[in-house]
Amino acid sequence: MALLTTLGHHLHGWNAGWTAGFVPFCVAQVIMAAAYTVHISTLAEIGAKVPGGSYGFARAVLGFYTGFLVAALELIQYITQTALAVLLVGHLVAPRGFQPLVWAVVYAGVVALHQLRGKLLMQTMLIAVVLGGLLPVGLFLVGSLPHTNFAKHAVWVDNDANTSVWATGSTAFIASLPYTTYAYSGIESI
C-alpha cells in the first residue's frame, strides 16, 4: 500500500507542481527533501529507543490515552492516503465511468502482491517499480522532449528588472510547496 500511495501521489503532485514553473518547484522540492530528511532521521532516532513507533513514543511520554489517539489517527491517515492514491490512479488512467473498475483492479493487485512473502515480495516490488513506474516516466520524458517549447510556455518575464525566470510568478514557490509533500506521503506508510 505504501508503494501505491507513493506512486499515486507522485503522479498527481508532480503534475500540479509543475504548473508553478520549473525553478519554484525545484526549489520547493529541495527544501522539502531537506525537511523530510530531518523528519525521518528524527523518527529513526526515536524509533530505535522506543518500540512501537509514534504510538509507543506518545504512550511513553504522554500516557496511554494519548498513545491510543495517536495510533488511531495514524491508522486513519494510512487508510485515507491509500484511498486517495487509488482514487488518483483511477483518475489518471481511466475515464469517469471505468474508474471503479480500475479501483477494484488496483486494490486486488495490491492485496495479491502482499500475499507473497519475504524475498519474492521484494523482488516482485522492485520489478513492478522499475517497469511500472520508471520505464513509462522515462519513455514520456524522452518522447515529449522534441515537442517542448520552454521559450513559449515556461518563461516568466519580470518587466521591472528586464529579466526572465523559468517560472510563472513570484508567488509560484509558495503555490507549489504543498505539492512537494506528495512525493513523501507514502514513504511514511512503510
N, C-alpha and C. Protein backbone atom coordinates (compact mmCIF):
# COMPACT_ATOMS: atom_id res chain seq x y z
N MET A 1 0.82 -1.19 0.00
CA MET A 1 0.00 0.00 0.00
C MET A 1 0.86 1.26 0.00
N ALA A 2 2.02 1.17 0.68
CA ALA A 2 2.90 2.34 0.71
C ALA A 2 3.41 2.67 -0.69
N LEU A 3 3.73 1.63 -1.47
CA LEU A 3 4.19 1.83 -2.83
C LEU A 3 3.09 2.47 -3.67
N LEU A 4 1.87 1.98 -3.53
CA LEU A 4 0.74 2.54 -4.27
C LEU A 4 0.50 3.99 -3.88
N THR A 5 0.57 4.27 -2.58
CA THR A 5 0.36 5.64 -2.11
C THR A 5 1.42 6.56 -2.68
N THR A 6 2.66 6.12 -2.64
CA THR A 6 3.76 6.96 -3.13
C THR A 6 3.61 7.23 -4.63
N LEU A 7 3.36 6.19 -5.42
CA LEU A 7 3.25 6.38 -6.86
C LEU A 7 2.04 7.25 -7.23
N GLY A 8 0.90 7.04 -6.57
CA GLY A 8 -0.27 7.86 -6.86
C GLY A 8 -0.05 9.32 -6.54
N HIS A 9 0.58 9.59 -5.42
CA HIS A 9 0.84 10.97 -5.05
C HIS A 9 1.92 11.60 -5.93
N HIS A 10 2.91 10.80 -6.34
CA HIS A 10 3.93 11.33 -7.25
C HIS A 10 3.28 11.83 -8.53
N LEU A 11 2.44 11.00 -9.11
CA LEU A 11 1.82 11.37 -10.39
C LEU A 11 0.98 12.63 -10.26
N HIS A 12 0.19 12.72 -9.20
CA HIS A 12 -0.68 13.89 -9.05
C HIS A 12 0.11 15.12 -8.61
N GLY A 13 1.00 14.96 -7.65
CA GLY A 13 1.75 16.09 -7.12
C GLY A 13 2.66 16.74 -8.14
N TRP A 14 3.29 15.92 -8.96
CA TRP A 14 4.19 16.48 -9.96
C TRP A 14 3.42 17.25 -11.02
N ASN A 15 2.30 16.70 -11.46
CA ASN A 15 1.52 17.41 -12.48
C ASN A 15 1.04 18.76 -11.97
N ALA A 16 0.58 18.80 -10.74
CA ALA A 16 0.10 20.07 -10.17
C ALA A 16 1.26 21.00 -9.84
N GLY A 17 2.38 20.46 -9.40
CA GLY A 17 3.52 21.28 -9.01
C GLY A 17 4.21 21.95 -10.19
N TRP A 18 4.29 21.25 -11.31
CA TRP A 18 4.98 21.82 -12.47
C TRP A 18 4.24 23.01 -13.05
N THR A 19 2.96 23.16 -12.74
CA THR A 19 2.23 24.32 -13.26
C THR A 19 2.77 25.63 -12.68
N ALA A 20 3.45 25.55 -11.55
CA ALA A 20 4.03 26.76 -10.95
C ALA A 20 5.31 27.18 -11.66
N GLY A 21 5.91 26.28 -12.42
CA GLY A 21 7.15 26.59 -13.10
C GLY A 21 8.28 25.72 -12.61
N PHE A 22 9.35 25.68 -13.38
CA PHE A 22 10.47 24.78 -13.09
C PHE A 22 11.25 25.23 -11.86
N VAL A 23 11.67 26.46 -11.82
CA VAL A 23 12.52 26.95 -10.73
C VAL A 23 11.80 26.89 -9.38
N PRO A 24 10.58 27.42 -9.24
CA PRO A 24 9.93 27.34 -7.93
C PRO A 24 9.68 25.91 -7.47
N PHE A 25 9.29 25.04 -8.40
CA PHE A 25 9.01 23.67 -8.00
C PHE A 25 10.29 22.94 -7.59
N CYS A 26 11.38 23.18 -8.30
CA CYS A 26 12.65 22.55 -7.91
C CYS A 26 13.16 23.07 -6.57
N VAL A 27 13.04 24.36 -6.33
CA VAL A 27 13.45 24.93 -5.04
C VAL A 27 12.58 24.35 -3.93
N ALA A 28 11.28 24.26 -4.17
CA ALA A 28 10.38 23.70 -3.17
C ALA A 28 10.70 22.23 -2.91
N GLN A 29 11.06 21.47 -3.95
CA GLN A 29 11.43 20.06 -3.77
C GLN A 29 12.69 19.93 -2.93
N VAL A 30 13.67 20.78 -3.17
CA VAL A 30 14.92 20.71 -2.39
C VAL A 30 14.66 21.04 -0.93
N ILE A 31 13.87 22.07 -0.68
CA ILE A 31 13.56 22.44 0.71
C ILE A 31 12.78 21.32 1.40
N MET A 32 11.80 20.75 0.70
CA MET A 32 11.01 19.67 1.30
C MET A 32 11.85 18.42 1.50
N ALA A 33 12.78 18.14 0.60
CA ALA A 33 13.66 16.98 0.79
C ALA A 33 14.53 17.15 2.03
N ALA A 34 15.04 18.35 2.25
CA ALA A 34 15.83 18.60 3.46
C ALA A 34 14.98 18.46 4.71
N ALA A 35 13.77 19.00 4.68
CA ALA A 35 12.88 18.89 5.84
C ALA A 35 12.49 17.43 6.09
N TYR A 36 12.25 16.69 5.03
CA TYR A 36 11.86 15.29 5.21
C TYR A 36 13.03 14.44 5.69
N THR A 37 14.23 14.76 5.26
CA THR A 37 15.41 14.05 5.76
C THR A 37 15.56 14.25 7.26
N VAL A 38 15.36 15.46 7.72
CA VAL A 38 15.41 15.72 9.16
C VAL A 38 14.29 14.97 9.88
N HIS A 39 13.11 14.97 9.30
CA HIS A 39 11.96 14.28 9.89
C HIS A 39 12.23 12.78 10.03
N ILE A 40 12.70 12.14 8.97
CA ILE A 40 12.95 10.70 9.00
C ILE A 40 14.11 10.37 9.93
N SER A 41 15.14 11.21 9.95
CA SER A 41 16.26 10.98 10.87
C SER A 41 15.80 11.06 12.32
N THR A 42 14.93 12.00 12.62
CA THR A 42 14.39 12.12 13.97
C THR A 42 13.54 10.91 14.33
N LEU A 43 12.69 10.47 13.41
CA LEU A 43 11.87 9.29 13.66
C LEU A 43 12.72 8.05 13.85
N ALA A 44 13.79 7.92 13.07
CA ALA A 44 14.67 6.76 13.22
C ALA A 44 15.37 6.77 14.56
N GLU A 45 15.78 7.93 15.01
CA GLU A 45 16.45 8.03 16.31
C GLU A 45 15.50 7.68 17.45
N ILE A 46 14.29 8.20 17.37
CA ILE A 46 13.30 7.92 18.42
C ILE A 46 12.82 6.48 18.33
N GLY A 47 12.60 6.00 17.10
CA GLY A 47 12.10 4.64 16.91
C GLY A 47 13.04 3.58 17.42
N ALA A 48 14.33 3.86 17.40
CA ALA A 48 15.30 2.89 17.92
C ALA A 48 15.25 2.83 19.45
N LYS A 49 14.87 3.90 20.08
CA LYS A 49 14.84 3.95 21.54
C LYS A 49 13.52 3.46 22.12
N VAL A 50 12.41 3.73 21.42
CA VAL A 50 11.08 3.39 21.94
C VAL A 50 10.39 2.46 20.95
N PRO A 51 10.11 1.21 21.33
CA PRO A 51 9.41 0.32 20.40
C PRO A 51 7.96 0.77 20.19
N GLY A 52 7.47 0.57 18.98
CA GLY A 52 6.09 0.95 18.69
C GLY A 52 5.95 2.20 17.86
N GLY A 53 7.05 2.79 17.43
CA GLY A 53 6.98 3.98 16.59
C GLY A 53 6.34 5.16 17.29
N SER A 54 5.55 5.92 16.54
CA SER A 54 4.95 7.12 17.13
C SER A 54 3.94 6.76 18.21
N TYR A 55 3.26 5.61 18.06
CA TYR A 55 2.32 5.18 19.10
C TYR A 55 3.06 4.92 20.40
N GLY A 56 4.15 4.16 20.33
CA GLY A 56 4.92 3.85 21.53
C GLY A 56 5.52 5.09 22.16
N PHE A 57 6.00 6.00 21.32
CA PHE A 57 6.59 7.24 21.84
C PHE A 57 5.54 8.09 22.55
N ALA A 58 4.37 8.26 21.92
CA ALA A 58 3.30 9.06 22.55
C ALA A 58 2.80 8.39 23.82
N ARG A 59 2.72 7.06 23.82
CA ARG A 59 2.26 6.34 25.01
C ARG A 59 3.24 6.49 26.16
N ALA A 60 4.54 6.42 25.84
CA ALA A 60 5.55 6.52 26.90
C ALA A 60 5.66 7.93 27.45
N VAL A 61 5.52 8.93 26.59
CA VAL A 61 5.73 10.31 27.02
C VAL A 61 4.45 10.95 27.55
N LEU A 62 3.33 10.75 26.85
CA LEU A 62 2.11 11.46 27.18
C LEU A 62 1.03 10.60 27.82
N GLY A 63 1.24 9.30 27.92
CA GLY A 63 0.27 8.44 28.56
C GLY A 63 -0.46 7.53 27.60
N PHE A 64 -1.20 6.58 28.18
CA PHE A 64 -1.87 5.55 27.38
C PHE A 64 -2.95 6.15 26.47
N TYR A 65 -3.78 7.04 26.98
CA TYR A 65 -4.87 7.60 26.19
C TYR A 65 -4.35 8.37 24.97
N THR A 66 -3.34 9.17 25.17
CA THR A 66 -2.76 9.93 24.05
C THR A 66 -2.12 8.99 23.04
N GLY A 67 -1.44 7.95 23.53
CA GLY A 67 -0.87 6.96 22.62
C GLY A 67 -1.94 6.27 21.79
N PHE A 68 -3.08 5.97 22.43
CA PHE A 68 -4.19 5.37 21.69
C PHE A 68 -4.71 6.32 20.62
N LEU A 69 -4.85 7.60 20.94
CA LEU A 69 -5.31 8.58 19.96
C LEU A 69 -4.34 8.70 18.79
N VAL A 70 -3.04 8.72 19.10
CA VAL A 70 -2.03 8.80 18.03
C VAL A 70 -2.13 7.58 17.12
N ALA A 71 -2.26 6.40 17.71
CA ALA A 71 -2.37 5.18 16.90
C ALA A 71 -3.63 5.20 16.04
N ALA A 72 -4.75 5.64 16.60
CA ALA A 72 -6.00 5.69 15.84
C ALA A 72 -5.90 6.71 14.70
N LEU A 73 -5.33 7.86 14.98
CA LEU A 73 -5.19 8.88 13.93
C LEU A 73 -4.20 8.46 12.86
N GLU A 74 -3.15 7.74 13.25
CA GLU A 74 -2.19 7.24 12.27
C GLU A 74 -2.85 6.20 11.37
N LEU A 75 -3.69 5.36 11.94
CA LEU A 75 -4.42 4.38 11.15
C LEU A 75 -5.35 5.07 10.16
N ILE A 76 -6.06 6.09 10.60
CA ILE A 76 -6.94 6.86 9.71
C ILE A 76 -6.11 7.52 8.60
N GLN A 77 -4.93 8.04 8.94
CA GLN A 77 -4.07 8.66 7.94
C GLN A 77 -3.68 7.66 6.87
N TYR A 78 -3.26 6.45 7.25
CA TYR A 78 -2.83 5.46 6.27
C TYR A 78 -3.99 4.99 5.40
N ILE A 79 -5.17 4.84 5.99
CA ILE A 79 -6.34 4.42 5.22
C ILE A 79 -6.72 5.49 4.20
N THR A 80 -6.73 6.75 4.62
CA THR A 80 -7.11 7.82 3.69
C THR A 80 -6.03 8.05 2.63
N GLN A 81 -4.76 7.89 2.98
CA GLN A 81 -3.70 8.02 1.98
C GLN A 81 -3.84 6.95 0.91
N THR A 82 -4.12 5.72 1.33
CA THR A 82 -4.28 4.64 0.37
C THR A 82 -5.50 4.88 -0.52
N ALA A 83 -6.61 5.28 0.08
CA ALA A 83 -7.81 5.55 -0.70
C ALA A 83 -7.59 6.69 -1.69
N LEU A 84 -6.90 7.73 -1.27
CA LEU A 84 -6.61 8.85 -2.16
C LEU A 84 -5.68 8.43 -3.29
N ALA A 85 -4.70 7.59 -2.99
CA ALA A 85 -3.79 7.12 -4.02
C ALA A 85 -4.52 6.30 -5.07
N VAL A 86 -5.40 5.40 -4.65
CA VAL A 86 -6.18 4.60 -5.59
C VAL A 86 -7.11 5.50 -6.40
N LEU A 87 -7.70 6.48 -5.76
CA LEU A 87 -8.57 7.43 -6.45
C LEU A 87 -7.79 8.20 -7.52
N LEU A 88 -6.59 8.65 -7.19
CA LEU A 88 -5.78 9.39 -8.15
C LEU A 88 -5.33 8.51 -9.31
N VAL A 89 -4.96 7.26 -9.03
CA VAL A 89 -4.56 6.34 -10.10
C VAL A 89 -5.74 6.11 -11.04
N GLY A 90 -6.93 5.89 -10.49
CA GLY A 90 -8.11 5.72 -11.33
C GLY A 90 -8.42 6.96 -12.15
N HIS A 91 -8.23 8.12 -11.55
CA HIS A 91 -8.48 9.38 -12.25
C HIS A 91 -7.49 9.59 -13.39
N LEU A 92 -6.26 9.14 -13.21
CA LEU A 92 -5.23 9.37 -14.23
C LEU A 92 -5.31 8.39 -15.39
N VAL A 93 -5.77 7.16 -15.16
CA VAL A 93 -5.67 6.15 -16.22
C VAL A 93 -7.00 5.77 -16.86
N ALA A 94 -8.13 6.24 -16.34
CA ALA A 94 -9.41 5.79 -16.89
C ALA A 94 -10.42 6.93 -16.94
N PRO A 95 -11.36 6.86 -17.89
CA PRO A 95 -12.45 7.83 -17.88
C PRO A 95 -13.38 7.59 -16.69
N ARG A 96 -14.21 8.55 -16.40
CA ARG A 96 -15.04 8.53 -15.19
C ARG A 96 -15.86 7.24 -15.03
N GLY A 97 -16.43 6.72 -16.08
CA GLY A 97 -17.27 5.53 -15.98
C GLY A 97 -16.52 4.27 -15.61
N PHE A 98 -15.24 4.20 -15.95
CA PHE A 98 -14.45 2.99 -15.69
C PHE A 98 -13.58 3.09 -14.44
N GLN A 99 -13.62 4.20 -13.75
CA GLN A 99 -12.76 4.37 -12.57
C GLN A 99 -13.04 3.36 -11.47
N PRO A 100 -14.29 3.02 -11.14
CA PRO A 100 -14.50 2.00 -10.10
C PRO A 100 -13.87 0.65 -10.46
N LEU A 101 -13.87 0.30 -11.74
CA LEU A 101 -13.23 -0.93 -12.17
C LEU A 101 -11.72 -0.86 -11.95
N VAL A 102 -11.13 0.28 -12.27
CA VAL A 102 -9.69 0.47 -12.04
C VAL A 102 -9.38 0.40 -10.55
N TRP A 103 -10.22 1.00 -9.72
CA TRP A 103 -10.00 0.94 -8.27
C TRP A 103 -10.00 -0.50 -7.78
N ALA A 104 -10.98 -1.29 -8.25
CA ALA A 104 -11.07 -2.69 -7.83
C ALA A 104 -9.85 -3.49 -8.28
N VAL A 105 -9.41 -3.26 -9.52
CA VAL A 105 -8.25 -3.98 -10.04
C VAL A 105 -6.99 -3.59 -9.26
N VAL A 106 -6.83 -2.32 -8.97
CA VAL A 106 -5.65 -1.87 -8.22
C VAL A 106 -5.64 -2.46 -6.82
N TYR A 107 -6.78 -2.40 -6.13
CA TYR A 107 -6.86 -2.98 -4.78
C TYR A 107 -6.59 -4.48 -4.81
N ALA A 108 -7.19 -5.20 -5.78
CA ALA A 108 -6.98 -6.64 -5.89
C ALA A 108 -5.52 -6.96 -6.18
N GLY A 109 -4.90 -6.18 -7.05
CA GLY A 109 -3.49 -6.40 -7.35
C GLY A 109 -2.58 -6.17 -6.16
N VAL A 110 -2.87 -5.13 -5.40
CA VAL A 110 -2.04 -4.83 -4.23
C VAL A 110 -2.22 -5.89 -3.15
N VAL A 111 -3.46 -6.34 -2.94
CA VAL A 111 -3.70 -7.40 -1.95
C VAL A 111 -3.02 -8.69 -2.39
N ALA A 112 -3.11 -9.03 -3.68
CA ALA A 112 -2.43 -10.23 -4.18
C ALA A 112 -0.92 -10.11 -4.03
N LEU A 113 -0.39 -8.93 -4.27
CA LEU A 113 1.05 -8.72 -4.13
C LEU A 113 1.49 -8.92 -2.68
N HIS A 114 0.67 -8.49 -1.75
CA HIS A 114 1.04 -8.62 -0.34
C HIS A 114 0.88 -10.04 0.19
N GLN A 115 0.31 -10.94 -0.60
CA GLN A 115 0.23 -12.35 -0.19
C GLN A 115 1.57 -13.05 -0.40
N LEU A 116 2.43 -12.48 -1.21
CA LEU A 116 3.78 -13.02 -1.37
C LEU A 116 4.57 -12.75 -0.10
N ARG A 117 5.59 -13.53 0.13
CA ARG A 117 6.35 -13.38 1.37
C ARG A 117 7.83 -13.17 1.08
N GLY A 118 8.47 -12.42 1.95
CA GLY A 118 9.92 -12.30 2.01
C GLY A 118 10.59 -11.80 0.76
N LYS A 119 11.61 -12.55 0.33
CA LYS A 119 12.46 -12.13 -0.78
C LYS A 119 11.67 -12.04 -2.09
N LEU A 120 10.72 -12.94 -2.28
CA LEU A 120 9.91 -12.93 -3.50
C LEU A 120 9.09 -11.64 -3.60
N LEU A 121 8.55 -11.19 -2.47
CA LEU A 121 7.79 -9.93 -2.44
C LEU A 121 8.68 -8.75 -2.83
N MET A 122 9.87 -8.68 -2.25
CA MET A 122 10.76 -7.56 -2.54
C MET A 122 11.21 -7.56 -4.00
N GLN A 123 11.51 -8.74 -4.55
CA GLN A 123 11.92 -8.81 -5.95
C GLN A 123 10.76 -8.41 -6.87
N THR A 124 9.56 -8.86 -6.56
CA THR A 124 8.39 -8.51 -7.37
C THR A 124 8.12 -7.01 -7.30
N MET A 125 8.25 -6.43 -6.13
CA MET A 125 8.02 -4.99 -5.99
C MET A 125 9.09 -4.19 -6.74
N LEU A 126 10.33 -4.65 -6.71
CA LEU A 126 11.40 -3.96 -7.45
C LEU A 126 11.11 -3.98 -8.95
N ILE A 127 10.72 -5.13 -9.45
CA ILE A 127 10.39 -5.24 -10.87
C ILE A 127 9.19 -4.36 -11.20
N ALA A 128 8.19 -4.35 -10.33
CA ALA A 128 6.99 -3.54 -10.57
C ALA A 128 7.32 -2.05 -10.57
N VAL A 129 8.21 -1.63 -9.68
CA VAL A 129 8.58 -0.21 -9.63
C VAL A 129 9.35 0.18 -10.88
N VAL A 130 10.30 -0.66 -11.29
CA VAL A 130 11.11 -0.32 -12.46
C VAL A 130 10.26 -0.33 -13.72
N LEU A 131 9.51 -1.40 -13.93
CA LEU A 131 8.73 -1.49 -15.16
C LEU A 131 7.47 -0.64 -15.12
N GLY A 132 6.81 -0.61 -13.98
CA GLY A 132 5.54 0.10 -13.89
C GLY A 132 5.66 1.58 -13.60
N GLY A 133 6.80 2.00 -13.06
CA GLY A 133 6.94 3.40 -12.69
C GLY A 133 7.99 4.15 -13.47
N LEU A 134 9.20 3.63 -13.45
CA LEU A 134 10.30 4.37 -14.05
C LEU A 134 10.34 4.27 -15.57
N LEU A 135 10.00 3.13 -16.12
CA LEU A 135 10.03 2.97 -17.58
C LEU A 135 9.03 3.90 -18.27
N PRO A 136 7.76 3.97 -17.85
CA PRO A 136 6.85 4.92 -18.50
C PRO A 136 7.27 6.38 -18.34
N VAL A 137 7.81 6.73 -17.18
CA VAL A 137 8.27 8.10 -16.98
C VAL A 137 9.42 8.41 -17.94
N GLY A 138 10.36 7.49 -18.05
CA GLY A 138 11.48 7.68 -18.98
C GLY A 138 11.02 7.79 -20.42
N LEU A 139 10.10 6.92 -20.82
CA LEU A 139 9.57 6.98 -22.18
C LEU A 139 8.83 8.30 -22.43
N PHE A 140 8.07 8.75 -21.45
CA PHE A 140 7.36 10.02 -21.59
C PHE A 140 8.34 11.18 -21.73
N LEU A 141 9.36 11.21 -20.89
CA LEU A 141 10.33 12.31 -20.96
C LEU A 141 11.07 12.33 -22.29
N VAL A 142 11.53 11.18 -22.72
CA VAL A 142 12.25 11.11 -24.00
C VAL A 142 11.32 11.44 -25.16
N GLY A 143 10.09 10.92 -25.12
CA GLY A 143 9.15 11.16 -26.21
C GLY A 143 8.63 12.58 -26.29
N SER A 144 8.52 13.25 -25.15
CA SER A 144 7.96 14.61 -25.17
C SER A 144 9.02 15.69 -25.35
N LEU A 145 10.27 15.35 -25.21
CA LEU A 145 11.33 16.35 -25.32
C LEU A 145 11.33 17.10 -26.65
N PRO A 146 11.14 16.43 -27.80
CA PRO A 146 11.12 17.19 -29.06
C PRO A 146 9.94 18.15 -29.18
N HIS A 147 8.89 17.94 -28.40
CA HIS A 147 7.69 18.77 -28.51
C HIS A 147 7.62 19.88 -27.48
N THR A 148 8.62 20.02 -26.64
CA THR A 148 8.59 21.06 -25.60
C THR A 148 9.06 22.39 -26.18
N ASN A 149 8.48 23.46 -25.68
CA ASN A 149 8.85 24.80 -26.11
C ASN A 149 8.97 25.66 -24.85
N PHE A 150 10.15 25.61 -24.22
CA PHE A 150 10.35 26.33 -22.98
C PHE A 150 10.29 27.84 -23.17
N ALA A 151 10.72 28.32 -24.31
CA ALA A 151 10.70 29.77 -24.55
C ALA A 151 9.28 30.31 -24.57
N LYS A 152 8.34 29.50 -25.02
CA LYS A 152 6.96 29.96 -25.12
C LYS A 152 6.15 29.68 -23.85
N HIS A 153 6.37 28.53 -23.21
CA HIS A 153 5.49 28.08 -22.14
C HIS A 153 6.08 28.15 -20.74
N ALA A 154 7.37 28.33 -20.58
CA ALA A 154 7.96 28.20 -19.25
C ALA A 154 8.78 29.39 -18.79
N VAL A 155 8.63 30.53 -19.41
CA VAL A 155 9.44 31.68 -19.02
C VAL A 155 8.54 32.77 -18.46
N TRP A 156 8.92 33.30 -17.31
CA TRP A 156 8.25 34.45 -16.71
C TRP A 156 9.17 35.64 -16.88
N VAL A 157 8.68 36.70 -17.48
CA VAL A 157 9.48 37.89 -17.73
C VAL A 157 9.13 38.94 -16.69
N ASP A 158 10.15 39.40 -15.96
CA ASP A 158 9.98 40.49 -14.99
C ASP A 158 10.27 41.80 -15.72
N ASN A 159 9.22 42.56 -16.02
CA ASN A 159 9.38 43.78 -16.81
C ASN A 159 10.14 44.87 -16.05
N ASP A 160 10.04 44.88 -14.71
CA ASP A 160 10.74 45.91 -13.93
C ASP A 160 12.26 45.73 -14.00
N ALA A 161 12.71 44.50 -13.88
CA ALA A 161 14.15 44.24 -13.90
C ALA A 161 14.64 43.84 -15.28
N ASN A 162 13.73 43.68 -16.23
CA ASN A 162 14.05 43.26 -17.58
C ASN A 162 14.82 41.93 -17.58
N THR A 163 14.34 41.01 -16.76
CA THR A 163 14.94 39.68 -16.69
C THR A 163 13.85 38.64 -16.87
N SER A 164 14.27 37.44 -17.19
CA SER A 164 13.31 36.35 -17.31
C SER A 164 13.72 35.21 -16.38
N VAL A 165 12.73 34.59 -15.81
CA VAL A 165 12.95 33.47 -14.90
C VAL A 165 12.10 32.32 -15.40
N TRP A 166 12.59 31.14 -15.21
CA TRP A 166 11.89 29.95 -15.67
C TRP A 166 10.79 29.61 -14.68
N ALA A 167 9.79 30.47 -14.55
CA ALA A 167 8.73 30.29 -13.56
C ALA A 167 7.50 31.08 -14.00
N THR A 168 6.43 30.95 -13.21
CA THR A 168 5.18 31.62 -13.56
C THR A 168 4.90 32.85 -12.73
N GLY A 169 5.73 33.19 -11.79
CA GLY A 169 5.50 34.38 -10.98
C GLY A 169 6.19 34.30 -9.65
N SER A 170 6.15 35.41 -8.91
CA SER A 170 6.87 35.48 -7.64
C SER A 170 6.22 34.64 -6.55
N THR A 171 4.93 34.35 -6.65
CA THR A 171 4.27 33.53 -5.64
C THR A 171 4.20 32.06 -6.03
N ALA A 172 4.84 31.70 -7.12
CA ALA A 172 4.76 30.31 -7.60
C ALA A 172 5.42 29.34 -6.64
N PHE A 173 6.46 29.78 -5.94
CA PHE A 173 7.13 28.90 -4.98
C PHE A 173 6.16 28.49 -3.87
N ILE A 174 5.45 29.46 -3.31
CA ILE A 174 4.51 29.17 -2.23
C ILE A 174 3.37 28.30 -2.75
N ALA A 175 2.94 28.55 -3.98
CA ALA A 175 1.85 27.77 -4.55
C ALA A 175 2.24 26.31 -4.78
N SER A 176 3.50 26.06 -5.11
CA SER A 176 3.92 24.69 -5.40
C SER A 176 4.40 23.93 -4.17
N LEU A 177 4.61 24.59 -3.05
CA LEU A 177 5.14 23.94 -1.86
C LEU A 177 4.27 22.78 -1.35
N PRO A 178 2.94 22.91 -1.28
CA PRO A 178 2.16 21.76 -0.79
C PRO A 178 2.28 20.52 -1.68
N TYR A 179 2.47 20.71 -2.97
CA TYR A 179 2.54 19.56 -3.87
C TYR A 179 3.85 18.79 -3.72
N THR A 180 4.87 19.41 -3.15
CA THR A 180 6.12 18.69 -2.94
C THR A 180 5.99 17.66 -1.83
N THR A 181 5.04 17.84 -0.92
CA THR A 181 4.86 16.87 0.16
C THR A 181 4.27 15.57 -0.36
N TYR A 182 3.60 15.59 -1.50
CA TYR A 182 3.01 14.37 -2.05
C TYR A 182 4.09 13.34 -2.36
N ALA A 183 5.29 13.79 -2.68
CA ALA A 183 6.36 12.86 -3.02
C ALA A 183 6.79 12.01 -1.84
N TYR A 184 6.47 12.43 -0.63
CA TYR A 184 6.95 11.74 0.56
C TYR A 184 5.84 11.09 1.37
N SER A 185 4.60 11.19 0.94
CA SER A 185 3.50 10.73 1.79
C SER A 185 3.45 9.22 1.95
N GLY A 186 3.80 8.47 0.94
CA GLY A 186 3.72 7.02 1.05
C GLY A 186 4.89 6.39 1.76
N ILE A 187 6.03 7.06 1.77
CA ILE A 187 7.23 6.51 2.40
C ILE A 187 6.99 6.33 3.89
N GLU A 188 6.24 7.24 4.48
CA GLU A 188 5.94 7.17 5.91
C GLU A 188 5.05 5.98 6.24
N SER A 189 4.29 5.48 5.25
CA SER A 189 3.39 4.35 5.49
C SER A 189 4.14 3.04 5.68
N ILE A 190 5.38 2.99 5.25
CA ILE A 190 6.16 1.75 5.37
C ILE A 190 6.43 1.48 6.82
